[in-house]
Amino acid sequence: MTVSEVQEKVSPEELCWWMAYNRISPIGPARQDYNAALIAQAVYNSNMGKGRRLKLDDVRLKWGEGGKTMIRNMKGMINLLSSVAGLKRKG
């Protein structure tokens, strides 16, 4: 739905309700990132010893922190998943 369509079909009050609901229970990419992080955390923690546990924030992508931070986070995720899979990564 486009912005114009939302303005035509959704009242400001209803839009406020949806915005509040989204803050409590995110819809879309934010929730997908959270769910992916939960899976990555569970896979890693189930394959590592007790001293090497990850927190959810260790694997969750953090959008809006700038390009270099995002790239570093993505490289970290690739390295993490490679190590769990037993793969050696070049570079």
PDB file of N, CA and C in Angstrom:
ATOM      1  N   MET A   1       0.840  -1.161   0.000  1.00  0.00           N
ATOM      2  CA  MET A   1       0.000   0.000   0.000  1.00  0.00           C
ATOM      3  C   MET A   1       0.898   1.241   0.000  1.00  0.00           C
ATOM      4  N   THR A   2       0.574   2.191  -0.830  1.00  0.00           N
ATOM      5  CA  THR A   2       1.355   3.426  -0.909  1.00  0.00           C
ATOM      6  C   THR A   2       0.951   4.375   0.223  1.00  0.00           C
ATOM      7  N   VAL A   3       1.750   5.423   0.428  1.00  0.00           N
ATOM      8  CA  VAL A   3       1.438   6.420   1.448  1.00  0.00           C
ATOM      9  C   VAL A   3       0.096   7.075   1.154  1.00  0.00           C
ATOM     10  N   SER A   4      -0.160   7.397  -0.109  1.00  0.00           N
ATOM     11  CA  SER A   4      -1.444   8.008  -0.489  1.00  0.00           C
ATOM     12  C   SER A   4      -2.611   7.094  -0.156  1.00  0.00           C
ATOM     13  N   GLU A   5      -2.461   5.809  -0.436  1.00  0.00           N
ATOM     14  CA  GLU A   5      -3.529   4.853  -0.143  1.00  0.00           C
ATOM     15  C   GLU A   5      -3.762   4.740   1.363  1.00  0.00           C
ATOM     16  N   VAL A   6      -2.686   4.749   2.142  1.00  0.00           N
ATOM     17  CA  VAL A   6      -2.835   4.693   3.594  1.00  0.00           C
ATOM     18  C   VAL A   6      -3.590   5.920   4.089  1.00  0.00           C
ATOM     19  N   GLN A   7      -3.223   7.088   3.564  1.00  0.00           N
ATOM     20  CA  GLN A   7      -3.893   8.317   3.980  1.00  0.00           C
ATOM     21  C   GLN A   7      -5.378   8.298   3.632  1.00  0.00           C
ATOM     22  N   GLU A   8      -5.728   7.665   2.508  1.00  0.00           N
ATOM     23  CA  GLU A   8      -7.131   7.575   2.096  1.00  0.00           C
ATOM     24  C   GLU A   8      -7.911   6.555   2.911  1.00  0.00           C
ATOM     25  N   LYS A   9      -7.296   5.413   3.194  1.00  0.00           N
ATOM     26  CA  LYS A   9      -8.028   4.278   3.754  1.00  0.00           C
ATOM     27  C   LYS A   9      -7.894   4.102   5.261  1.00  0.00           C
ATOM     28  N   VAL A  10      -6.891   4.700   5.888  1.00  0.00           N
ATOM     29  CA  VAL A  10      -6.652   4.471   7.315  1.00  0.00           C
ATOM     30  C   VAL A  10      -6.777   5.808   8.051  1.00  0.00           C
ATOM     31  N   SER A  11      -7.560   5.802   9.096  1.00  0.00           N
ATOM     32  CA  SER A  11      -7.731   7.034   9.876  1.00  0.00           C
ATOM     33  C   SER A  11      -6.466   7.295  10.700  1.00  0.00           C
ATOM     34  N   PRO A  12      -6.225   8.547  11.068  1.00  0.00           N
ATOM     35  CA  PRO A  12      -5.061   8.844  11.909  1.00  0.00           C
ATOM     36  C   PRO A  12      -5.082   8.065  13.228  1.00  0.00           C
ATOM     37  N   GLU A  13      -6.267   7.882  13.792  1.00  0.00           N
ATOM     38  CA  GLU A  13      -6.373   7.130  15.042  1.00  0.00           C
ATOM     39  C   GLU A  13      -5.939   5.677  14.847  1.00  0.00           C
ATOM     40  N   GLU A  14      -6.418   5.045  13.763  1.00  0.00           N
ATOM     41  CA  GLU A  14      -6.042   3.657  13.500  1.00  0.00           C
ATOM     42  C   GLU A  14      -4.545   3.544  13.228  1.00  0.00           C
ATOM     43  N   LEU A  15      -3.981   4.502  12.500  1.00  0.00           N
ATOM     44  CA  LEU A  15      -2.550   4.493  12.223  1.00  0.00           C
ATOM     45  C   LEU A  15      -1.754   4.577  13.527  1.00  0.00           C
ATOM     46  N   CYS A  16      -2.216   5.406  14.459  1.00  0.00           N
ATOM     47  CA  CYS A  16      -1.561   5.495  15.775  1.00  0.00           C
ATOM     48  C   CYS A  16      -1.618   4.160  16.514  1.00  0.00           C
ATOM     49  N   TRP A  17      -2.767   3.485  16.423  1.00  0.00           N
ATOM     50  CA  TRP A  17      -2.886   2.167  17.051  1.00  0.00           C
ATOM     51  C   TRP A  17      -1.906   1.172  16.432  1.00  0.00           C
ATOM     52  N   TRP A  18      -1.774   1.183  15.104  1.00  0.00           N
ATOM     53  CA  TRP A  18      -0.832   0.276  14.447  1.00  0.00           C
ATOM     54  C   TRP A  18       0.612   0.608  14.826  1.00  0.00           C
ATOM     55  N   MET A  19       0.925   1.898  14.928  1.00  0.00           N
ATOM     56  CA  MET A  19       2.282   2.297  15.324  1.00  0.00           C
ATOM     57  C   MET A  19       2.591   1.827  16.749  1.00  0.00           C
ATOM     58  N   ALA A  20       1.615   1.956  17.642  1.00  0.00           N
ATOM     59  CA  ALA A  20       1.801   1.484  19.020  1.00  0.00           C
ATOM     60  C   ALA A  20       1.969  -0.036  19.051  1.00  0.00           C
ATOM     61  N   TYR A  21       1.144  -0.740  18.291  1.00  0.00           N
ATOM     62  CA  TYR A  21       1.237  -2.197  18.222  1.00  0.00           C
ATOM     63  C   TYR A  21       2.610  -2.625  17.688  1.00  0.00           C
ATOM     64  N   ASN A  22       3.106  -1.916  16.690  1.00  0.00           N
ATOM     65  CA  ASN A  22       4.401  -2.256  16.101  1.00  0.00           C
ATOM     66  C   ASN A  22       5.538  -2.070  17.106  1.00  0.00           C
ATOM     67  N   ARG A  23       5.398  -1.129  18.012  1.00  0.00           N
ATOM     68  CA  ARG A  23       6.429  -0.935  19.046  1.00  0.00           C
ATOM     69  C   ARG A  23       6.446  -2.095  20.029  1.00  0.00           C
ATOM     70  N   ILE A  24       5.283  -2.675  20.298  1.00  0.00           N
ATOM     71  CA  ILE A  24       5.182  -3.807  21.226  1.00  0.00           C
ATOM     72  C   ILE A  24       5.582  -5.099  20.538  1.00  0.00           C
ATOM     73  N   SER A  25       5.104  -5.295  19.337  1.00  0.00           N
ATOM     74  CA  SER A  25       5.336  -6.525  18.582  1.00  0.00           C
ATOM     75  C   SER A  25       5.691  -6.158  17.144  1.00  0.00           C
ATOM     76  N   PRO A  26       6.986  -5.964  16.864  1.00  0.00           N
ATOM     77  CA  PRO A  26       7.393  -5.476  15.532  1.00  0.00           C
ATOM     78  C   PRO A  26       6.890  -6.345  14.381  1.00  0.00           C
ATOM     79  N   ILE A  27       6.548  -5.672  13.306  1.00  0.00           N
ATOM     80  CA  ILE A  27       6.071  -6.318  12.093  1.00  0.00           C
ATOM     81  C   ILE A  27       7.148  -6.139  11.031  1.00  0.00           C
ATOM     82  N   GLY A  28       7.436  -7.162  10.248  1.00  0.00           N
ATOM     83  CA  GLY A  28       8.340  -7.014   9.112  1.00  0.00           C
ATOM     84  C   GLY A  28       9.800  -7.286   9.422  1.00  0.00           C
ATOM     85  N   PRO A  29      10.698  -6.553   8.767  1.00  0.00           N
ATOM     86  CA  PRO A  29      12.133  -6.838   8.847  1.00  0.00           C
ATOM     87  C   PRO A  29      12.712  -6.844  10.259  1.00  0.00           C
ATOM     88  N   ALA A  30      12.240  -5.982  11.138  1.00  0.00           N
ATOM     89  CA  ALA A  30      12.776  -5.957  12.505  1.00  0.00           C
ATOM     90  C   ALA A  30      12.518  -7.293  13.202  1.00  0.00           C
ATOM     91  N   ARG A  31      11.325  -7.816  13.031  1.00  0.00           N
ATOM     92  CA  ARG A  31      11.006  -9.105  13.646  1.00  0.00           C
ATOM     93  C   ARG A  31      11.776 -10.238  12.954  1.00  0.00           C
ATOM     94  N   GLN A  32      11.923 -10.172  11.647  1.00  0.00           N
ATOM     95  CA  GLN A  32      12.664 -11.205  10.926  1.00  0.00           C
ATOM     96  C   GLN A  32      14.123 -11.241  11.382  1.00  0.00           C
ATOM     97  N   ASP A  33      14.730 -10.064  11.590  1.00  0.00           N
ATOM     98  CA  ASP A  33      16.107 -10.013  12.087  1.00  0.00           C
ATOM     99  C   ASP A  33      16.204 -10.620  13.482  1.00  0.00           C
ATOM    100  N   TYR A  34      15.235 -10.317  14.325  1.00  0.00           N
ATOM    101  CA  TYR A  34      15.211 -10.849  15.680  1.00  0.00           C
ATOM    102  C   TYR A  34      15.087 -12.371  15.651  1.00  0.00           C
ATOM    103  N   ASN A  35      14.163 -12.888  14.828  1.00  0.00           N
ATOM    104  CA  ASN A  35      13.979 -14.339  14.729  1.00  0.00           C
ATOM    105  C   ASN A  35      15.227 -15.026  14.181  1.00  0.00           C
ATOM    106  N   ALA A  36      15.870 -14.417  13.186  1.00  0.00           N
ATOM    107  CA  ALA A  36      17.102 -14.993  12.635  1.00  0.00           C
ATOM    108  C   ALA A  36      18.197 -15.011  13.695  1.00  0.00           C
ATOM    109  N   ALA A  37      18.275 -13.962  14.498  1.00  0.00           N
ATOM    110  CA  ALA A  37      19.275 -13.905  15.565  1.00  0.00           C
ATOM    111  C   ALA A  37      19.015 -14.984  16.613  1.00  0.00           C
ATOM    112  N   LEU A  38      17.744 -15.229  16.938  1.00  0.00           N
ATOM    113  CA  LEU A  38      17.412 -16.296  17.891  1.00  0.00           C
ATOM    114  C   LEU A  38      17.886 -17.652  17.388  1.00  0.00           C
ATOM    115  N   ILE A  39      17.675 -17.904  16.093  1.00  0.00           N
ATOM    116  CA  ILE A  39      18.095 -19.180  15.508  1.00  0.00           C
ATOM    117  C   ILE A  39      19.622 -19.290  15.510  1.00  0.00           C
ATOM    118  N   ALA A  40      20.311 -18.220  15.086  1.00  0.00           N
ATOM    119  CA  ALA A  40      21.774 -18.236  15.069  1.00  0.00           C
ATOM    120  C   ALA A  40      22.337 -18.443  16.470  1.00  0.00           C
ATOM    121  N   GLN A  41      21.754 -17.774  17.452  1.00  0.00           N
ATOM    122  CA  GLN A  41      22.199 -17.920  18.838  1.00  0.00           C
ATOM    123  C   GLN A  41      21.999 -19.357  19.318  1.00  0.00           C
ATOM    124  N   ALA A  42      20.842 -19.934  19.031  1.00  0.00           N
ATOM    125  CA  ALA A  42      20.558 -21.304  19.469  1.00  0.00           C
ATOM    126  C   ALA A  42      21.494 -22.310  18.815  1.00  0.00           C
ATOM    127  N   VAL A  43      21.748 -22.147  17.521  1.00  0.00           N
ATOM    128  CA  VAL A  43      22.651 -23.059  16.808  1.00  0.00           C
ATOM    129  C   VAL A  43      24.061 -22.950  17.380  1.00  0.00           C
ATOM    130  N   TYR A  44      24.541 -21.732  17.544  1.00  0.00           N
ATOM    131  CA  TYR A  44      25.896 -21.532  18.067  1.00  0.00           C
ATOM    132  C   TYR A  44      26.015 -22.094  19.485  1.00  0.00           C
ATOM    133  N   ASN A  45      25.089 -21.696  20.363  1.00  0.00           N
ATOM    134  CA  ASN A  45      25.184 -22.110  21.761  1.00  0.00           C
ATOM    135  C   ASN A  45      25.024 -23.611  21.949  1.00  0.00           C
ATOM    136  N   SER A  46      24.271 -24.263  21.078  1.00  0.00           N
ATOM    137  CA  SER A  46      24.102 -25.709  21.210  1.00  0.00           C
ATOM    138  C   SER A  46      25.333 -26.476  20.726  1.00  0.00           C
ATOM    139  N   ASN A  47      26.209 -25.807  19.992  1.00  0.00           N
ATOM    140  CA  ASN A  47      27.403 -26.467  19.470  1.00  0.00           C
ATOM    141  C   ASN A  47      28.693 -26.052  20.184  1.00  0.00           C
ATOM    142  N   MET A  48      28.611 -25.171  21.137  1.00  0.00           N
ATOM    143  CA  MET A  48      29.796 -24.684  21.828  1.00  0.00           C
ATOM    144  C   MET A  48      29.736 -25.047  23.304  1.00  0.00           C
ATOM    145  N   GLY A  49      30.882 -24.983  23.944  1.00  0.00           N
ATOM    146  CA  GLY A  49      30.949 -25.274  25.368  1.00  0.00           C
ATOM    147  C   GLY A  49      30.310 -24.172  26.195  1.00  0.00           C
ATOM    148  N   LYS A  50      30.187 -24.437  27.491  1.00  0.00           N
ATOM    149  CA  LYS A  50      29.508 -23.485  28.379  1.00  0.00           C
ATOM    150  C   LYS A  50      30.197 -22.133  28.431  1.00  0.00           C
ATOM    151  N   GLY A  51      31.484 -22.075  28.309  1.00  0.00           N
ATOM    152  CA  GLY A  51      32.206 -20.812  28.409  1.00  0.00           C
ATOM    153  C   GLY A  51      32.115 -19.942  27.173  1.00  0.00           C
ATOM    154  N   ARG A  52      31.528 -20.451  26.107  1.00  0.00           N
ATOM    155  CA  ARG A  52      31.488 -19.705  24.844  1.00  0.00           C
ATOM    156  C   ARG A  52      30.059 -19.410  24.415  1.00  0.00           C
ATOM    157  N   ARG A  53      29.214 -18.974  25.331  1.00  0.00           N
ATOM    158  CA  ARG A  53      27.818 -18.675  25.020  1.00  0.00           C
ATOM    159  C   ARG A  53      27.692 -17.282  24.415  1.00  0.00           C
ATOM    160  N   LEU A  54      26.786 -17.148  23.470  1.00  0.00           N
ATOM    161  CA  LEU A  54      26.511 -15.845  22.857  1.00  0.00           C
ATOM    162  C   LEU A  54      25.221 -15.267  23.414  1.00  0.00           C
ATOM    163  N   LYS A  55      25.184 -13.950  23.513  1.00  0.00           N
ATOM    164  CA  LYS A  55      23.951 -13.250  23.855  1.00  0.00           C
ATOM    165  C   LYS A  55      23.259 -12.904  22.546  1.00  0.00           C
ATOM    166  N   LEU A  56      21.980 -12.632  22.625  1.00  0.00           N
ATOM    167  CA  LEU A  56      21.212 -12.303  21.428  1.00  0.00           C
ATOM    168  C   LEU A  56      21.801 -11.085  20.711  1.00  0.00           C
ATOM    169  N   ASP A  57      22.237 -10.081  21.453  1.00  0.00           N
ATOM    170  CA  ASP A  57      22.807  -8.881  20.832  1.00  0.00           C
ATOM    171  C   ASP A  57      24.122  -9.159  20.110  1.00  0.00           C
ATOM    172  N   ASP A  58      24.781 -10.282  20.432  1.00  0.00           N
ATOM    173  CA  ASP A  58      26.020 -10.639  19.739  1.00  0.00           C
ATOM    174  C   ASP A  58      25.770 -11.032  18.289  1.00  0.00           C
ATOM    175  N   VAL A  59      24.580 -11.503  17.981  1.00  0.00           N
ATOM    176  CA  VAL A  59      24.291 -11.992  16.630  1.00  0.00           C
ATOM    177  C   VAL A  59      23.202 -11.203  15.900  1.00  0.00           C
ATOM    178  N   ARG A  60      22.528 -10.310  16.609  1.00  0.00           N
ATOM    179  CA  ARG A  60      21.450  -9.531  15.981  1.00  0.00           C
ATOM    180  C   ARG A  60      22.045  -8.425  15.119  1.00  0.00           C
ATOM    181  N   LEU A  61      21.545  -8.298  13.879  1.00  0.00           N
ATOM    182  CA  LEU A  61      21.985  -7.204  13.026  1.00  0.00           C
ATOM    183  C   LEU A  61      21.489  -5.894  13.609  1.00  0.00           C
ATOM    184  N   LYS A  62      22.347  -4.901  13.612  1.00  0.00           N
ATOM    185  CA  LYS A  62      22.000  -3.613  14.194  1.00  0.00           C
ATOM    186  C   LYS A  62      21.975  -2.567  13.091  1.00  0.00           C
ATOM    187  N   TRP A  63      20.801  -2.303  12.560  1.00  0.00           N
ATOM    188  CA  TRP A  63      20.643  -1.354  11.470  1.00  0.00           C
ATOM    189  C   TRP A  63      20.744   0.068  11.987  1.00  0.00           C
ATOM    190  N   GLY A  64      21.211   0.955  11.137  1.00  0.00           N
ATOM    191  CA  GLY A  64      21.263   2.365  11.490  1.00  0.00           C
ATOM    192  C   GLY A  64      22.502   2.769  12.253  1.00  0.00           C
ATOM    193  N   GLU A  65      23.462   1.893  12.377  1.00  0.00           N
ATOM    194  CA  GLU A  65      24.687   2.218  13.098  1.00  0.00           C
ATOM    195  C   GLU A  65      25.794   2.671  12.165  1.00  0.00           C
ATOM    196  N   GLY A  66      25.483   2.854  10.920  1.00  0.00           N
ATOM    197  CA  GLY A  66      26.496   3.269   9.964  1.00  0.00           C
ATOM    198  C   GLY A  66      26.974   2.091   9.135  1.00  0.00           C
ATOM    199  N   GLY A  67      27.448   2.395   7.942  1.00  0.00           N
ATOM    200  CA  GLY A  67      27.844   1.364   6.990  1.00  0.00           C
ATOM    201  C   GLY A  67      28.962   0.465   7.478  1.00  0.00           C
ATOM    202  N   LYS A  68      30.012   1.032   8.062  1.00  0.00           N
ATOM    203  CA  LYS A  68      31.144   0.218   8.505  1.00  0.00           C
ATOM    204  C   LYS A  68      30.739  -0.742   9.620  1.00  0.00           C
ATOM    205  N   THR A  69      29.907  -0.268  10.546  1.00  0.00           N
ATOM    206  CA  THR A  69      29.446  -1.133  11.635  1.00  0.00           C
ATOM    207  C   THR A  69      28.603  -2.265  11.085  1.00  0.00           C
ATOM    208  N   MET A  70      27.701  -1.966  10.146  1.00  0.00           N
ATOM    209  CA  MET A  70      26.845  -2.989   9.576  1.00  0.00           C
ATOM    210  C   MET A  70      27.676  -4.035   8.835  1.00  0.00           C
ATOM    211  N   ILE A  71      28.663  -3.596   8.070  1.00  0.00           N
ATOM    212  CA  ILE A  71      29.520  -4.533   7.339  1.00  0.00           C
ATOM    213  C   ILE A  71      30.296  -5.398   8.325  1.00  0.00           C
ATOM    214  N   ARG A  72      30.810  -4.789   9.400  1.00  0.00           N
ATOM    215  CA  ARG A  72      31.541  -5.550  10.416  1.00  0.00           C
ATOM    216  C   ARG A  72      30.616  -6.583  11.063  1.00  0.00           C
ATOM    217  N   ASN A  73      29.371  -6.187  11.357  1.00  0.00           N
ATOM    218  CA  ASN A  73      28.408  -7.130  11.932  1.00  0.00           C
ATOM    219  C   ASN A  73      28.127  -8.285  10.984  1.00  0.00           C
ATOM    220  N   MET A  74      27.952  -7.985   9.698  1.00  0.00           N
ATOM    221  CA  MET A  74      27.664  -9.037   8.719  1.00  0.00           C
ATOM    222  C   MET A  74      28.855  -9.976   8.564  1.00  0.00           C
ATOM    223  N   LYS A  75      30.083  -9.428   8.544  1.00  0.00           N
ATOM    224  CA  LYS A  75      31.270 -10.282   8.463  1.00  0.00           C
ATOM    225  C   LYS A  75      31.378 -11.163   9.703  1.00  0.00           C
ATOM    226  N   GLY A  76      31.046 -10.580  10.857  1.00  0.00           N
ATOM    227  CA  GLY A  76      31.051 -11.367  12.094  1.00  0.00           C
ATOM    228  C   GLY A  76      30.059 -12.508  12.039  1.00  0.00           C
ATOM    229  N   MET A  77      28.874 -12.253  11.486  1.00  0.00           N
ATOM    230  CA  MET A  77      27.876 -13.311  11.353  1.00  0.00           C
ATOM    231  C   MET A  77      28.357 -14.412  10.416  1.00  0.00           C
ATOM    232  N   ILE A  78      28.993 -14.025   9.310  1.00  0.00           N
ATOM    233  CA  ILE A  78      29.520 -15.014   8.370  1.00  0.00           C
ATOM    234  C   ILE A  78      30.582 -15.868   9.046  1.00  0.00           C
ATOM    235  N   ASN A  79      31.484 -15.222   9.780  1.00  0.00           N
ATOM    236  CA  ASN A  79      32.529 -15.967  10.496  1.00  0.00           C
ATOM    237  C   ASN A  79      31.927 -16.892  11.542  1.00  0.00           C
ATOM    238  N   LEU A  80      30.944 -16.400  12.269  1.00  0.00           N
ATOM    239  CA  LEU A  80      30.284 -17.196  13.295  1.00  0.00           C
ATOM    240  C   LEU A  80      29.635 -18.433  12.698  1.00  0.00           C
ATOM    241  N   LEU A  81      28.850 -18.236  11.654  1.00  0.00           N
ATOM    242  CA  LEU A  81      28.153 -19.368  11.031  1.00  0.00           C
ATOM    243  C   LEU A  81      29.132 -20.336  10.387  1.00  0.00           C
ATOM    244  N   SER A  82      30.223 -19.810   9.825  1.00  0.00           N
ATOM    245  CA  SER A  82      31.246 -20.674   9.235  1.00  0.00           C
ATOM    246  C   SER A  82      31.906 -21.531  10.298  1.00  0.00           C
ATOM    247  N   SER A  83      32.186 -20.935  11.470  1.00  0.00           N
ATOM    248  CA  SER A  83      32.843 -21.698  12.520  1.00  0.00           C
ATOM    249  C   SER A  83      31.922 -22.786  13.068  1.00  0.00           C
ATOM    250  N   VAL A  84      30.625 -22.485  13.175  1.00  0.00           N
ATOM    251  CA  VAL A  84      29.675 -23.492  13.640  1.00  0.00           C
ATOM    252  C   VAL A  84      29.574 -24.632  12.635  1.00  0.00           C
ATOM    253  N   ALA A  85      29.613 -24.290  11.360  1.00  0.00           N
ATOM    254  CA  ALA A  85      29.509 -25.306  10.310  1.00  0.00           C
ATOM    255  C   ALA A  85      30.823 -26.046  10.100  1.00  0.00           C
ATOM    256  N   GLY A  86      31.886 -25.572  10.740  1.00  0.00           N
ATOM    257  CA  GLY A  86      33.191 -26.219  10.578  1.00  0.00           C
ATOM    258  C   GLY A  86      33.891 -25.835   9.300  1.00  0.00           C
ATOM    259  N   LEU A  87      33.517 -24.725   8.714  1.00  0.00           N
ATOM    260  CA  LEU A  87      34.125 -24.254   7.475  1.00  0.00           C
ATOM    261  C   LEU A  87      35.232 -23.260   7.788  1.00  0.00           C
ATOM    262  N   LYS A  88      36.262 -23.257   6.971  1.00  0.00           N
ATOM    263  CA  LYS A  88      37.316 -22.265   7.110  1.00  0.00           C
ATOM    264  C   LYS A  88      37.062 -21.187   6.088  1.00  0.00           C
ATOM    265  N   ARG A  89      37.041 -19.941   6.548  1.00  0.00           N
ATOM    266  CA  ARG A  89      36.753 -18.813   5.675  1.00  0.00           C
ATOM    267  C   ARG A  89      38.043 -18.123   5.274  1.00  0.00           C
ATOM    268  N   LYS A  90      38.146 -17.773   3.999  1.00  0.00           N
ATOM    269  CA  LYS A  90      39.309 -17.039   3.495  1.00  0.00           C
ATOM    270  C   LYS A  90      39.106 -15.568   3.759  1.00  0.00           C
ATOM    271  N   GLY A  91      40.165 -14.872   4.259  1.00  0.00           N
ATOM    272  CA  GLY A  91      40.108 -13.416   4.459  1.00  0.00           C
ATOM    273  C   GLY A  91      39.349 -13.038   5.590  1.00  0.00           C
TER     274      GLY A  91
END
